[in-house]
Protein backbone atom coordinates (compact mmCIF):
# COMPACT_ATOMS: atom_id res chain seq x y z
CA MET A 1 -17.71 -16.54 -10.14
CA SER A 2 -15.06 -15.40 -8.04
CA ASP A 3 -14.25 -12.04 -7.19
CA VAL A 4 -10.44 -10.73 -7.50
CA ILE A 5 -9.11 -9.76 -3.96
CA GLY A 6 -5.70 -9.00 -5.10
CA ILE A 7 -2.91 -9.17 -7.83
CA GLY A 8 0.92 -9.13 -6.87
CA THR A 9 4.18 -9.40 -9.07
CA ASP A 10 7.54 -9.43 -8.37
CA ILE A 11 10.51 -9.88 -10.69
CA THR A 12 13.95 -11.23 -9.00
CA GLU A 13 17.52 -11.22 -10.41
CA CYS A 14 18.87 -14.96 -10.77
CA LEU A 15 22.48 -13.45 -9.75
CA ARG A 16 21.02 -12.26 -6.49
CA ILE A 17 19.55 -15.58 -5.30
CA ALA A 18 22.64 -17.46 -6.97
CA LYS A 19 24.90 -15.09 -4.47
CA MET A 20 22.54 -16.02 -1.66
CA ILE A 21 22.84 -19.53 -2.02
CA ASP A 22 26.71 -19.29 -2.46
CA ARG A 23 26.95 -17.40 0.68
CA HIS A 24 24.82 -19.13 3.14
CA ALA A 25 23.84 -22.61 1.42
CA ASP A 26 21.77 -24.71 3.38
CA LEU A 27 20.99 -22.21 5.88
CA PHE A 28 19.30 -19.64 3.20
CA ILE A 29 17.64 -22.71 1.17
CA SER A 30 15.93 -24.55 4.02
CA ARG A 31 14.90 -21.00 5.52
CA VAL A 32 13.22 -20.00 2.32
CA TYR A 33 12.07 -23.15 0.46
CA THR A 34 9.97 -26.36 1.65
CA PRO A 35 11.48 -29.80 1.33
CA ARG A 36 9.47 -30.19 -1.48
CA GLU A 37 10.30 -27.04 -3.38
CA ILE A 38 13.88 -27.94 -2.93
CA HIS A 39 13.71 -31.22 -4.49
CA TYR A 40 11.86 -29.73 -7.53
CA CYS A 41 14.66 -27.02 -7.88
CA GLN A 42 17.50 -29.47 -7.30
CA THR A 43 16.51 -31.69 -10.09
CA ARG A 44 16.20 -29.16 -12.56
CA LYS A 45 19.20 -28.43 -15.09
CA GLN A 46 19.13 -24.35 -14.13
CA SER A 47 18.13 -24.63 -10.65
CA THR A 48 19.09 -21.03 -9.60
CA GLU A 49 16.40 -19.98 -12.05
CA HIS A 50 14.03 -22.13 -10.84
CA PHE A 51 14.76 -20.98 -6.89
CA THR A 52 14.56 -17.53 -8.10
CA GLY A 53 10.95 -18.22 -9.69
CA ARG A 54 9.64 -19.59 -6.66
CA TRP A 55 11.08 -16.71 -4.69
CA ALA A 56 9.79 -14.13 -7.07
CA ALA A 57 6.24 -16.18 -6.80
CA LYS A 58 6.16 -16.30 -3.05
CA GLU A 59 6.76 -12.11 -3.23
CA ALA A 60 3.79 -11.90 -5.59
CA VAL A 61 1.65 -14.06 -3.39
CA LEU A 62 2.47 -11.51 -0.58
CA LYS A 63 1.71 -8.60 -2.60
CA ALA A 64 -1.37 -10.01 -3.75
CA LEU A 65 -2.81 -10.61 0.00
CA GLY A 66 -1.53 -7.15 0.90
CA THR A 67 0.09 -8.67 3.98
CA GLY A 68 3.83 -7.89 3.54
CA TRP A 69 6.21 -9.79 6.08
CA ARG A 70 4.17 -9.31 9.04
CA ARG A 71 4.97 -11.18 12.19
CA GLY A 72 3.78 -14.84 11.89
CA ILE A 73 4.36 -15.20 8.48
CA ALA A 74 7.52 -17.21 7.17
CA TRP A 75 8.94 -18.17 3.70
CA ARG A 76 7.97 -21.44 4.15
CA ASP A 77 4.30 -20.77 4.81
CA ILE A 78 4.00 -20.43 0.59
CA GLU A 79 5.14 -23.47 -1.06
CA VAL A 80 5.28 -23.35 -4.80
CA LEU A 81 4.60 -26.75 -6.43
CA ASN A 82 3.89 -28.08 -9.76
CA GLU A 83 0.81 -29.91 -11.39
CA PRO A 84 1.89 -32.93 -13.55
CA ASP A 85 1.45 -30.71 -16.41
CA GLY A 86 3.91 -28.19 -15.30
CA ARG A 87 1.63 -25.40 -14.17
CA PRO A 88 2.60 -24.10 -10.83
CA ILE A 89 0.26 -24.13 -7.95
CA VAL A 90 0.53 -22.28 -4.56
CA HIS A 91 -0.17 -24.11 -0.97
CA ILE A 92 -0.53 -22.00 2.05
CA HIS A 93 0.80 -23.40 5.52
CA GLY A 94 1.34 -21.94 8.83
CA GLY A 95 0.41 -18.48 10.12
CA LEU A 96 -0.35 -17.35 6.59
CA LYS A 97 -3.24 -19.91 6.21
CA ARG A 98 -5.17 -17.71 8.85
CA ILE A 99 -4.71 -14.89 7.24
CA VAL A 100 -5.83 -16.08 3.70
CA GLU A 101 -8.95 -17.45 5.50
CA GLN A 102 -9.73 -14.30 7.14
CA LEU A 103 -9.52 -12.49 3.87
CA GLY A 104 -11.99 -14.65 2.37
CA ILE A 105 -9.46 -16.11 -0.20
CA THR A 106 -10.34 -19.36 -1.48
CA ARG A 107 -7.69 -19.53 -4.71
CA LEU A 108 -4.24 -18.26 -5.38
CA GLN A 109 -3.27 -18.82 -8.88
CA VAL A 110 0.25 -18.02 -9.88
CA SER A 111 2.26 -17.68 -13.05
CA ILE A 112 5.87 -18.05 -13.33
CA SER A 113 8.71 -17.20 -15.97
CA HIS A 114 12.35 -16.96 -15.85
CA CYS A 115 15.50 -16.77 -18.25
CA HIS A 116 18.72 -16.86 -17.39
CA THR A 117 19.08 -13.51 -15.67
CA HIS A 118 15.71 -12.90 -14.00
CA ALA A 119 12.47 -14.64 -13.07
CA ILE A 120 9.11 -12.86 -12.65
CA ALA A 121 5.96 -14.25 -11.16
CA MET A 122 2.31 -12.87 -11.05
CA ALA A 123 -0.28 -14.11 -8.32
CA ILE A 124 -3.98 -13.26 -8.46
CA ALA A 125 -6.11 -13.82 -5.04
CA THR A 126 -9.62 -14.86 -5.66
CA GLY A 127 -12.88 -15.19 -3.15
CA PRO A 128 -16.32 -16.08 -3.63
CA ASN A 129 -18.49 -13.35 -5.47
CA LYS A 130 -20.17 -11.03 -3.10
CA ASP A 131 -22.78 -10.01 -5.51
């Protein structure tokens, strides 16, 4: 059994992310998303909704960790991919990996939902049961 270390949620407007993509194109996309995330989103019919969902998921993960955007954490340290069945999974890289280990987090779960106007995500960080 695992203890919940933190939970986080985020809701983001799809129009906001669409404007960022329109204004800054590849610079924005490559700064925020990993190559695998970019490939996934760009192969979807409603790519903006998928980019927005991943943005919300990354924000939710940081809230679950309680770290915020401290020095040494980058957008691409959080990678949101999908299992073959479609379930989103989180991979942690870079400076955030060390922080996750220090917090004793062994699992991050995320759920994403989106429609034409908004995307919402929830993240749960768990670690070993301390009882």
